[in-house]
Amino acid sequence: MDQYLKLKLENQLCFPLYAAARQVVNLYNPAFKPLGLTYTEYIVFMVLWEKDDITVGDLGEKLYLNNSTLTPLLKRMESNGYITKSRELSDERIVKIRLTSKGWEMREKAATIPDSMKNCISLSPEKAGQLYTLLYELLDDIKEHQIEHV
């Protein structure tokens, strides 16, 4: 086998994952535009709507995002009045995030987004479920390998 075949784009698992993720996120943009949201802000909101009063570290772990990505995002969300940040009294290195009333109001505005997205992707429920399961298996596998290499 030609040693360079493995370098062909069509032989890479990473490329269709990357391209599909970008395309799916782009499908959300028309729903986000009237709300003034980005995809990353939306997923932060989803975590906070599920569990408010969370540390930045826990948020980053849940979303697979590092502090350098979260810091400017959370600063923007705070300046827009969606969240407040505070330091733990027992350990000032720990920053907690809480939704404001404006952040909770965004949940009402965003409530129709998941249903509208179902109409944009025509995978059967079975295939969508399989894809969901496989992607989380992949994320778990990557996380496990990262822990082993630390």
N, C-alpha and C. Protein backbone atom coordinates (compact mmCIF):
# COMPACT_ATOMS: atom_id res chain seq x y z
N MET A 1 0.85 -1.20 0.00
CA MET A 1 0.00 0.00 0.00
C MET A 1 0.88 1.25 0.00
N ASP A 2 0.53 2.17 -0.82
CA ASP A 2 1.27 3.43 -0.90
C ASP A 2 1.22 4.12 0.45
N GLN A 3 2.39 4.48 0.98
CA GLN A 3 2.45 5.10 2.31
C GLN A 3 1.73 6.44 2.38
N TYR A 4 1.48 7.06 1.24
CA TYR A 4 0.84 8.37 1.24
C TYR A 4 -0.68 8.30 1.12
N LEU A 5 -1.23 7.09 0.90
CA LEU A 5 -2.69 6.95 0.84
C LEU A 5 -3.35 7.37 2.15
N LYS A 6 -2.65 7.14 3.25
CA LYS A 6 -3.23 7.51 4.54
C LYS A 6 -3.32 9.02 4.72
N LEU A 7 -2.64 9.76 3.84
CA LEU A 7 -2.69 11.22 3.90
C LEU A 7 -3.79 11.82 3.03
N LYS A 8 -4.54 10.99 2.34
CA LYS A 8 -5.63 11.50 1.51
C LYS A 8 -6.78 11.95 2.41
N LEU A 9 -7.36 13.06 2.07
CA LEU A 9 -8.46 13.63 2.86
C LEU A 9 -9.59 12.63 3.02
N GLU A 10 -9.92 11.92 1.97
CA GLU A 10 -11.03 10.95 2.01
C GLU A 10 -10.77 9.78 2.95
N ASN A 11 -9.54 9.60 3.39
CA ASN A 11 -9.21 8.50 4.31
C ASN A 11 -9.15 8.95 5.77
N GLN A 12 -9.56 10.17 6.03
CA GLN A 12 -9.47 10.73 7.38
C GLN A 12 -10.83 10.73 8.06
N LEU A 13 -10.92 10.21 9.26
CA LEU A 13 -12.15 10.29 10.05
C LEU A 13 -12.39 11.73 10.52
N CYS A 14 -11.30 12.44 10.81
CA CYS A 14 -11.44 13.79 11.36
C CYS A 14 -12.13 14.75 10.40
N PHE A 15 -11.92 14.58 9.08
CA PHE A 15 -12.49 15.55 8.16
C PHE A 15 -14.01 15.52 8.11
N PRO A 16 -14.66 14.36 7.90
CA PRO A 16 -16.13 14.42 7.87
C PRO A 16 -16.73 14.86 9.21
N LEU A 17 -16.04 14.54 10.33
CA LEU A 17 -16.52 15.03 11.63
C LEU A 17 -16.46 16.55 11.67
N TYR A 18 -15.33 17.10 11.27
CA TYR A 18 -15.13 18.55 11.26
C TYR A 18 -16.13 19.23 10.33
N ALA A 19 -16.24 18.73 9.09
CA ALA A 19 -17.11 19.35 8.10
C ALA A 19 -18.57 19.25 8.52
N ALA A 20 -18.99 18.09 9.03
CA ALA A 20 -20.38 17.93 9.46
C ALA A 20 -20.68 18.85 10.64
N ALA A 21 -19.75 18.95 11.59
CA ALA A 21 -19.97 19.83 12.74
C ALA A 21 -20.14 21.28 12.29
N ARG A 22 -19.28 21.72 11.39
CA ARG A 22 -19.39 23.10 10.89
C ARG A 22 -20.71 23.33 10.17
N GLN A 23 -21.12 22.37 9.36
CA GLN A 23 -22.36 22.53 8.61
C GLN A 23 -23.58 22.53 9.53
N VAL A 24 -23.58 21.67 10.52
CA VAL A 24 -24.71 21.63 11.47
C VAL A 24 -24.77 22.94 12.25
N VAL A 25 -23.64 23.42 12.73
CA VAL A 25 -23.62 24.69 13.46
C VAL A 25 -24.12 25.81 12.55
N ASN A 26 -23.73 25.80 11.28
CA ASN A 26 -24.21 26.83 10.35
C ASN A 26 -25.72 26.79 10.16
N LEU A 27 -26.31 25.61 10.27
CA LEU A 27 -27.77 25.49 10.16
C LEU A 27 -28.48 26.23 11.31
N TYR A 28 -27.81 26.35 12.44
CA TYR A 28 -28.39 27.03 13.60
C TYR A 28 -28.38 28.56 13.46
N ASN A 29 -27.47 29.08 12.66
CA ASN A 29 -27.28 30.54 12.62
C ASN A 29 -28.54 31.33 12.34
N PRO A 30 -29.42 30.92 11.41
CA PRO A 30 -30.65 31.71 11.21
C PRO A 30 -31.53 31.78 12.47
N ALA A 31 -31.51 30.74 13.29
CA ALA A 31 -32.29 30.77 14.53
C ALA A 31 -31.61 31.64 15.59
N PHE A 32 -30.29 31.70 15.56
CA PHE A 32 -29.54 32.47 16.56
C PHE A 32 -29.52 33.96 16.26
N LYS A 33 -29.52 34.31 14.99
CA LYS A 33 -29.35 35.72 14.59
C LYS A 33 -30.35 36.65 15.27
N PRO A 34 -31.67 36.35 15.24
CA PRO A 34 -32.62 37.27 15.89
C PRO A 34 -32.41 37.37 17.41
N LEU A 35 -31.79 36.34 18.00
CA LEU A 35 -31.56 36.35 19.44
C LEU A 35 -30.20 36.96 19.79
N GLY A 36 -29.40 37.22 18.77
CA GLY A 36 -28.07 37.77 19.01
C GLY A 36 -27.13 36.78 19.66
N LEU A 37 -27.31 35.49 19.37
CA LEU A 37 -26.50 34.44 19.99
C LEU A 37 -25.52 33.81 19.01
N THR A 38 -24.45 33.26 19.56
CA THR A 38 -23.57 32.38 18.80
C THR A 38 -23.87 30.95 19.26
N TYR A 39 -23.37 29.99 18.50
CA TYR A 39 -23.58 28.59 18.88
C TYR A 39 -22.98 28.31 20.26
N THR A 40 -21.79 28.83 20.50
CA THR A 40 -21.12 28.56 21.77
C THR A 40 -21.89 29.17 22.94
N GLU A 41 -22.45 30.36 22.76
CA GLU A 41 -23.29 30.95 23.81
C GLU A 41 -24.52 30.07 24.05
N TYR A 42 -25.10 29.57 22.98
CA TYR A 42 -26.28 28.70 23.09
C TYR A 42 -25.98 27.46 23.92
N ILE A 43 -24.85 26.81 23.68
CA ILE A 43 -24.56 25.60 24.46
C ILE A 43 -24.22 25.93 25.91
N VAL A 44 -23.63 27.11 26.14
CA VAL A 44 -23.41 27.55 27.53
C VAL A 44 -24.77 27.75 28.21
N PHE A 45 -25.67 28.42 27.52
CA PHE A 45 -27.02 28.60 28.07
C PHE A 45 -27.66 27.26 28.40
N MET A 46 -27.55 26.30 27.49
CA MET A 46 -28.20 25.00 27.72
C MET A 46 -27.68 24.35 28.99
N VAL A 47 -26.38 24.44 29.23
CA VAL A 47 -25.82 23.87 30.47
C VAL A 47 -26.37 24.62 31.67
N LEU A 48 -26.38 25.95 31.61
CA LEU A 48 -26.84 26.75 32.75
C LEU A 48 -28.34 26.60 32.99
N TRP A 49 -29.13 26.44 31.95
CA TRP A 49 -30.56 26.22 32.14
C TRP A 49 -30.82 24.89 32.83
N GLU A 50 -29.91 23.96 32.63
CA GLU A 50 -30.04 22.64 33.28
C GLU A 50 -29.49 22.66 34.70
N LYS A 51 -28.38 23.37 34.90
CA LYS A 51 -27.74 23.43 36.22
C LYS A 51 -27.09 24.80 36.38
N ASP A 52 -27.82 25.70 36.96
CA ASP A 52 -27.33 27.05 37.20
C ASP A 52 -26.34 27.01 38.37
N ASP A 53 -25.54 28.06 38.51
CA ASP A 53 -24.59 28.17 39.62
C ASP A 53 -23.52 27.08 39.51
N ILE A 54 -22.77 27.13 38.41
CA ILE A 54 -21.76 26.13 38.08
C ILE A 54 -20.40 26.81 38.01
N THR A 55 -19.36 26.06 38.27
CA THR A 55 -18.02 26.65 38.15
C THR A 55 -17.60 26.69 36.69
N VAL A 56 -16.69 27.60 36.38
CA VAL A 56 -16.16 27.70 35.03
C VAL A 56 -15.50 26.37 34.65
N GLY A 57 -14.80 25.76 35.59
CA GLY A 57 -14.16 24.47 35.32
C GLY A 57 -15.15 23.38 34.96
N ASP A 58 -16.25 23.31 35.72
CA ASP A 58 -17.28 22.31 35.42
C ASP A 58 -17.95 22.58 34.08
N LEU A 59 -18.18 23.85 33.77
CA LEU A 59 -18.76 24.23 32.50
C LEU A 59 -17.84 23.81 31.35
N GLY A 60 -16.56 24.10 31.48
CA GLY A 60 -15.60 23.74 30.44
C GLY A 60 -15.53 22.24 30.24
N GLU A 61 -15.57 21.49 31.33
CA GLU A 61 -15.53 20.04 31.23
C GLU A 61 -16.77 19.51 30.53
N LYS A 62 -17.91 20.05 30.87
CA LYS A 62 -19.18 19.60 30.28
C LYS A 62 -19.22 19.89 28.78
N LEU A 63 -18.66 21.03 28.36
CA LEU A 63 -18.71 21.45 26.96
C LEU A 63 -17.44 21.13 26.17
N TYR A 64 -16.46 20.51 26.81
CA TYR A 64 -15.18 20.20 26.16
C TYR A 64 -14.52 21.49 25.65
N LEU A 65 -14.58 22.54 26.47
CA LEU A 65 -13.97 23.82 26.11
C LEU A 65 -12.94 24.19 27.17
N ASN A 66 -11.85 24.82 26.74
CA ASN A 66 -10.83 25.24 27.69
C ASN A 66 -11.09 26.67 28.16
N ASN A 67 -10.35 27.07 29.18
CA ASN A 67 -10.54 28.41 29.77
C ASN A 67 -10.28 29.53 28.78
N SER A 68 -9.32 29.33 27.87
CA SER A 68 -9.02 30.40 26.92
C SER A 68 -10.17 30.64 25.95
N THR A 69 -11.00 29.64 25.73
CA THR A 69 -12.20 29.80 24.91
C THR A 69 -13.34 30.36 25.75
N LEU A 70 -13.48 29.86 26.97
CA LEU A 70 -14.60 30.28 27.82
C LEU A 70 -14.47 31.71 28.36
N THR A 71 -13.27 32.13 28.71
CA THR A 71 -13.09 33.43 29.36
C THR A 71 -13.68 34.58 28.55
N PRO A 72 -13.31 34.76 27.26
CA PRO A 72 -13.91 35.89 26.53
C PRO A 72 -15.40 35.70 26.28
N LEU A 73 -15.82 34.46 26.10
CA LEU A 73 -17.24 34.17 25.88
C LEU A 73 -18.06 34.56 27.11
N LEU A 74 -17.61 34.13 28.29
CA LEU A 74 -18.33 34.45 29.52
C LEU A 74 -18.28 35.94 29.83
N LYS A 75 -17.18 36.58 29.49
CA LYS A 75 -17.08 38.03 29.68
C LYS A 75 -18.13 38.75 28.83
N ARG A 76 -18.29 38.29 27.58
CA ARG A 76 -19.29 38.89 26.69
C ARG A 76 -20.70 38.62 27.21
N MET A 77 -20.95 37.39 27.67
CA MET A 77 -22.27 37.06 28.21
C MET A 77 -22.57 37.87 29.46
N GLU A 78 -21.56 38.13 30.26
CA GLU A 78 -21.74 38.95 31.46
C GLU A 78 -22.02 40.41 31.07
N SER A 79 -21.29 40.92 30.09
CA SER A 79 -21.51 42.32 29.69
C SER A 79 -22.87 42.50 29.02
N ASN A 80 -23.40 41.42 28.43
CA ASN A 80 -24.75 41.47 27.84
C ASN A 80 -25.85 41.25 28.88
N GLY A 81 -25.46 41.02 30.13
CA GLY A 81 -26.42 40.91 31.21
C GLY A 81 -27.05 39.54 31.38
N TYR A 82 -26.47 38.50 30.76
CA TYR A 82 -27.05 37.16 30.84
C TYR A 82 -26.58 36.37 32.06
N ILE A 83 -25.37 36.65 32.51
CA ILE A 83 -24.81 35.90 33.64
C ILE A 83 -24.11 36.84 34.61
N THR A 84 -23.89 36.33 35.81
CA THR A 84 -23.00 36.99 36.75
C THR A 84 -21.91 36.00 37.10
N LYS A 85 -20.75 36.52 37.42
CA LYS A 85 -19.63 35.68 37.84
C LYS A 85 -19.22 36.11 39.24
N SER A 86 -18.84 35.14 40.04
CA SER A 86 -18.35 35.46 41.38
C SER A 86 -17.30 34.43 41.77
N ARG A 87 -16.40 34.85 42.64
CA ARG A 87 -15.35 33.95 43.12
C ARG A 87 -15.80 33.29 44.41
N GLU A 88 -15.41 32.03 44.56
CA GLU A 88 -15.71 31.30 45.80
C GLU A 88 -14.95 31.95 46.95
N LEU A 89 -15.59 32.11 48.08
CA LEU A 89 -14.93 32.70 49.25
C LEU A 89 -13.83 31.77 49.77
N SER A 90 -14.07 30.46 49.70
CA SER A 90 -13.10 29.50 50.23
C SER A 90 -11.89 29.32 49.33
N ASP A 91 -12.03 29.62 48.04
CA ASP A 91 -10.93 29.47 47.09
C ASP A 91 -11.18 30.43 45.92
N GLU A 92 -10.47 31.56 45.93
CA GLU A 92 -10.72 32.60 44.94
C GLU A 92 -10.36 32.20 43.52
N ARG A 93 -9.68 31.05 43.35
CA ARG A 93 -9.37 30.58 42.00
C ARG A 93 -10.61 30.01 41.32
N ILE A 94 -11.63 29.67 42.11
CA ILE A 94 -12.84 29.07 41.57
C ILE A 94 -13.85 30.17 41.27
N VAL A 95 -14.27 30.23 40.01
CA VAL A 95 -15.25 31.22 39.56
C VAL A 95 -16.56 30.49 39.27
N LYS A 96 -17.65 31.00 39.85
CA LYS A 96 -18.98 30.43 39.62
C LYS A 96 -19.78 31.35 38.72
N ILE A 97 -20.63 30.72 37.93
CA ILE A 97 -21.47 31.45 36.98
C ILE A 97 -22.93 31.21 37.33
N ARG A 98 -23.70 32.29 37.30
CA ARG A 98 -25.15 32.20 37.56
C ARG A 98 -25.88 32.98 36.47
N LEU A 99 -27.02 32.46 36.09
CA LEU A 99 -27.87 33.18 35.14
C LEU A 99 -28.56 34.35 35.83
N THR A 100 -28.73 35.42 35.10
CA THR A 100 -29.54 36.54 35.56
C THR A 100 -30.97 36.30 35.07
N SER A 101 -31.88 37.18 35.44
CA SER A 101 -33.24 37.04 34.92
C SER A 101 -33.26 37.15 33.40
N LYS A 102 -32.39 37.97 32.84
CA LYS A 102 -32.28 38.09 31.38
C LYS A 102 -31.79 36.78 30.77
N GLY A 103 -30.90 36.08 31.46
CA GLY A 103 -30.44 34.78 30.99
C GLY A 103 -31.55 33.74 31.00
N TRP A 104 -32.37 33.78 32.04
CA TRP A 104 -33.52 32.87 32.10
C TRP A 104 -34.55 33.21 31.04
N GLU A 105 -34.73 34.50 30.74
CA GLU A 105 -35.66 34.91 29.70
C GLU A 105 -35.24 34.38 28.33
N MET A 106 -33.94 34.25 28.11
CA MET A 106 -33.44 33.73 26.84
C MET A 106 -33.92 32.29 26.62
N ARG A 107 -34.14 31.56 27.68
CA ARG A 107 -34.63 30.18 27.55
C ARG A 107 -35.99 30.17 26.84
N GLU A 108 -36.84 31.12 27.20
CA GLU A 108 -38.15 31.21 26.54
C GLU A 108 -37.99 31.54 25.05
N LYS A 109 -37.08 32.44 24.75
CA LYS A 109 -36.86 32.84 23.36
C LYS A 109 -36.25 31.71 22.53
N ALA A 110 -35.45 30.87 23.16
CA ALA A 110 -34.74 29.80 22.45
C ALA A 110 -35.51 28.48 22.42
N ALA A 111 -36.66 28.43 23.06
CA ALA A 111 -37.38 27.17 23.24
C ALA A 111 -37.75 26.48 21.93
N THR A 112 -37.92 27.23 20.86
CA THR A 112 -38.33 26.63 19.58
C THR A 112 -37.16 26.14 18.74
N ILE A 113 -35.94 26.47 19.14
CA ILE A 113 -34.78 26.13 18.31
C ILE A 113 -34.63 24.62 18.09
N PRO A 114 -34.70 23.77 19.11
CA PRO A 114 -34.51 22.34 18.85
C PRO A 114 -35.52 21.76 17.84
N ASP A 115 -36.77 22.15 17.95
CA ASP A 115 -37.76 21.64 16.99
C ASP A 115 -37.50 22.14 15.58
N SER A 116 -37.10 23.39 15.45
CA SER A 116 -36.83 23.91 14.11
C SER A 116 -35.60 23.24 13.49
N MET A 117 -34.66 22.81 14.31
CA MET A 117 -33.46 22.14 13.79
C MET A 117 -33.79 20.73 13.30
N LYS A 118 -34.78 20.09 13.88
CA LYS A 118 -35.17 18.75 13.42
C LYS A 118 -35.57 18.77 11.95
N ASN A 119 -36.11 19.89 11.50
CA ASN A 119 -36.55 20.01 10.11
C ASN A 119 -35.38 20.25 9.15
N CYS A 120 -34.21 20.57 9.67
CA CYS A 120 -33.06 20.89 8.82
C CYS A 120 -32.20 19.66 8.50
N ILE A 121 -32.33 18.63 9.30
CA ILE A 121 -31.51 17.43 9.12
C ILE A 121 -32.47 16.26 8.93
N SER A 122 -32.32 15.57 7.82
CA SER A 122 -33.30 14.54 7.48
C SER A 122 -32.87 13.11 7.83
N LEU A 123 -32.04 12.97 8.85
CA LEU A 123 -31.72 11.62 9.32
C LEU A 123 -32.94 11.02 10.00
N SER A 124 -33.13 9.73 9.82
CA SER A 124 -34.22 9.06 10.53
C SER A 124 -33.92 9.11 12.02
N PRO A 125 -34.93 8.99 12.86
CA PRO A 125 -34.68 8.97 14.31
C PRO A 125 -33.70 7.86 14.71
N GLU A 126 -33.77 6.71 14.03
CA GLU A 126 -32.85 5.61 14.34
C GLU A 126 -31.41 5.98 14.01
N LYS A 127 -31.20 6.56 12.82
CA LYS A 127 -29.84 6.94 12.43
C LYS A 127 -29.33 8.08 13.30
N ALA A 128 -30.20 9.03 13.62
CA ALA A 128 -29.79 10.13 14.50
C ALA A 128 -29.38 9.58 15.87
N GLY A 129 -30.14 8.61 16.38
CA GLY A 129 -29.80 7.99 17.66
C GLY A 129 -28.48 7.25 17.59
N GLN A 130 -28.23 6.55 16.50
CA GLN A 130 -26.96 5.84 16.33
C GLN A 130 -25.80 6.82 16.27
N LEU A 131 -25.98 7.90 15.51
CA LEU A 131 -24.93 8.91 15.40
C LEU A 131 -24.64 9.54 16.76
N TYR A 132 -25.68 9.87 17.49
CA TYR A 132 -25.55 10.45 18.83
C TYR A 132 -24.73 9.51 19.73
N THR A 133 -25.10 8.24 19.72
CA THR A 133 -24.39 7.25 20.54
C THR A 133 -22.94 7.13 20.13
N LEU A 134 -22.67 7.04 18.84
CA LEU A 134 -21.29 6.91 18.35
C LEU A 134 -20.45 8.14 18.70
N LEU A 135 -21.03 9.31 18.55
CA LEU A 135 -20.27 10.53 18.85
C LEU A 135 -19.91 10.61 20.33
N TYR A 136 -20.84 10.24 21.21
CA TYR A 136 -20.52 10.25 22.64
C TYR A 136 -19.54 9.14 23.00
N GLU A 137 -19.59 8.02 22.31
CA GLU A 137 -18.57 6.98 22.52
C GLU A 137 -17.20 7.52 22.12
N LEU A 138 -17.15 8.24 21.00
CA LEU A 138 -15.90 8.83 20.55
C LEU A 138 -15.38 9.86 21.56
N LEU A 139 -16.25 10.73 22.03
CA LEU A 139 -15.84 11.72 23.04
C LEU A 139 -15.33 11.05 24.31
N ASP A 140 -16.03 10.03 24.77
CA ASP A 140 -15.58 9.30 25.97
C ASP A 140 -14.23 8.64 25.74
N ASP A 141 -14.04 8.05 24.56
CA ASP A 141 -12.78 7.40 24.24
C ASP A 141 -11.63 8.41 24.22
N ILE A 142 -11.88 9.56 23.60
CA ILE A 142 -10.85 10.60 23.54
C ILE A 142 -10.52 11.09 24.95
N LYS A 143 -11.55 11.32 25.75
CA LYS A 143 -11.34 11.80 27.13
C LYS A 143 -10.52 10.77 27.92
N GLU A 144 -10.85 9.50 27.76
CA GLU A 144 -10.12 8.44 28.47
C GLU A 144 -8.66 8.40 28.06
N HIS A 145 -8.39 8.56 26.76
CA HIS A 145 -7.01 8.55 26.29
C HIS A 145 -6.24 9.79 26.75
N GLN A 146 -6.92 10.92 26.87
CA GLN A 146 -6.27 12.12 27.36
C GLN A 146 -5.86 11.93 28.81
N ILE A 147 -6.72 11.30 29.61
CA ILE A 147 -6.42 11.06 31.02
C ILE A 147 -5.22 10.11 31.14
N GLU A 148 -5.15 9.10 30.27
CA GLU A 148 -4.05 8.15 30.31
C GLU A 148 -2.72 8.80 29.97
N HIS A 149 -2.75 9.86 29.16
CA HIS A 149 -1.51 10.49 28.72
C HIS A 149 -1.09 11.67 29.58
N VAL A 150 -1.82 11.93 30.64
CA VAL A 150 -1.48 13.05 31.52
C VAL A 150 -0.49 12.58 32.56
